[in-house]
Amino acid sequence: MRNLRVNAFALYKPKKVVVVHNHPSGNVQPSKIDDYTTYRLSLLCKIHGVKLKDHIIVCKNEIFSYLLSNRLDMFIFYLHMKNTF
């Protein structure tokens, strides 16, 4: 999976990315794995100069947006602070 993402960045050279996946369980709330994946994607995007615009989770009747819930800003802030010190 990691090589697929890195190869996609190298091949397509995107400026911005939106990640979308579903939770077939019906629970739209992000899991710890979703948070960890979002953090890793934020780091990968930063390394490649790509802006991660949002990570969206889709369920039957609901969606969860990291951007709209301000959780995406939390990861971006953490990455910024990590590089400041």
Protein backbone atom coordinates (compact mmCIF):
# COMPACT_ATOMS: atom_id res chain seq x y z
CA MET A 1 0.00 0.00 0.00
CA ARG A 2 2.78 2.43 0.90
CA ASN A 3 4.50 1.98 -2.47
CA LEU A 4 1.19 2.57 -4.23
CA ARG A 5 0.80 5.98 -2.55
CA VAL A 6 4.37 7.03 -3.17
CA ASN A 7 4.18 5.89 -6.79
CA ALA A 8 0.90 7.78 -7.27
CA PHE A 9 2.54 10.97 -5.98
CA ALA A 10 5.52 10.48 -8.27
CA LEU A 11 3.41 9.60 -11.31
CA TYR A 12 0.56 12.13 -11.05
CA LYS A 13 2.27 14.94 -9.07
CA PRO A 14 -0.96 16.18 -7.46
CA LYS A 15 -1.12 19.56 -5.74
CA LYS A 16 -4.06 18.60 -3.49
CA VAL A 17 -5.55 15.30 -2.28
CA VAL A 18 -8.88 14.25 -0.76
CA VAL A 19 -8.99 10.77 0.76
CA VAL A 20 -12.36 9.00 0.99
CA HIS A 21 -13.20 5.56 2.33
CA ASN A 22 -16.19 3.81 3.82
CA HIS A 23 -17.02 2.15 7.12
CA PRO A 24 -19.32 -0.76 6.24
CA SER A 25 -19.98 -1.24 9.96
CA GLY A 26 -22.22 1.83 9.89
CA ASN A 27 -20.18 3.69 12.53
CA VAL A 28 -19.05 6.92 10.88
CA GLN A 29 -16.72 7.95 13.72
CA PRO A 30 -13.01 7.68 12.92
CA SER A 31 -11.10 4.87 14.58
CA LYS A 32 -7.60 5.13 16.01
CA ILE A 33 -6.41 3.50 12.78
CA ASP A 34 -8.17 6.23 10.77
CA ASP A 35 -6.44 8.87 12.88
CA TYR A 36 -3.07 7.18 12.47
CA THR A 37 -3.59 6.83 8.71
CA THR A 38 -4.56 10.51 8.47
CA TYR A 39 -1.42 11.47 10.37
CA ARG A 40 0.73 9.33 8.06
CA LEU A 41 -1.00 10.76 4.97
CA SER A 42 -0.42 14.28 6.30
CA LEU A 43 3.26 13.48 6.70
CA LEU A 44 3.49 11.89 3.25
CA CYS A 45 1.74 14.87 1.67
CA LYS A 46 4.04 17.31 3.44
CA ILE A 47 7.12 15.43 2.22
CA HIS A 48 5.87 15.58 -1.38
CA GLY A 49 4.59 19.17 -1.24
CA VAL A 50 0.95 18.08 -1.58
CA LYS A 51 -1.92 19.63 0.41
CA LEU A 52 -4.16 17.09 2.13
CA LYS A 53 -7.54 18.83 1.79
CA ASP A 54 -9.69 16.31 3.65
CA HIS A 55 -10.13 12.73 4.79
CA ILE A 56 -13.77 11.71 4.53
CA ILE A 57 -15.44 8.62 5.98
CA VAL A 58 -18.69 7.53 4.36
CA CYS A 59 -21.42 5.38 5.90
CA LYS A 60 -24.90 4.52 4.75
CA ASN A 61 -26.57 7.80 5.81
CA GLU A 62 -23.69 9.84 7.23
CA ILE A 63 -20.29 11.27 6.44
CA PHE A 64 -17.44 12.34 8.68
CA SER A 65 -15.03 15.01 7.48
CA TYR A 66 -11.69 15.53 9.20
CA LEU A 67 -11.68 19.03 7.74
CA LEU A 68 -15.15 20.03 8.97
CA SER A 69 -14.50 18.54 12.42
CA ASN A 70 -11.17 20.46 12.67
CA ARG A 71 -9.30 17.20 13.22
CA LEU A 72 -7.29 17.68 10.04
CA ASP A 73 -5.92 20.95 11.43
CA MET A 74 -4.79 19.06 14.52
CA PHE A 75 -2.54 16.78 12.45
CA ILE A 76 -1.19 19.63 10.36
CA PHE A 77 -0.47 21.67 13.51
CA TYR A 78 1.30 18.69 15.08
CA LEU A 79 3.50 18.22 12.00
CA HIS A 80 4.34 21.93 12.01
CA MET A 81 5.22 21.91 15.71
CA LYS A 82 7.27 18.75 15.31
CA ASN A 83 9.45 20.49 12.70
CA THR A 84 9.73 23.72 14.71
CA PHE A 85 11.74 22.25 17.59
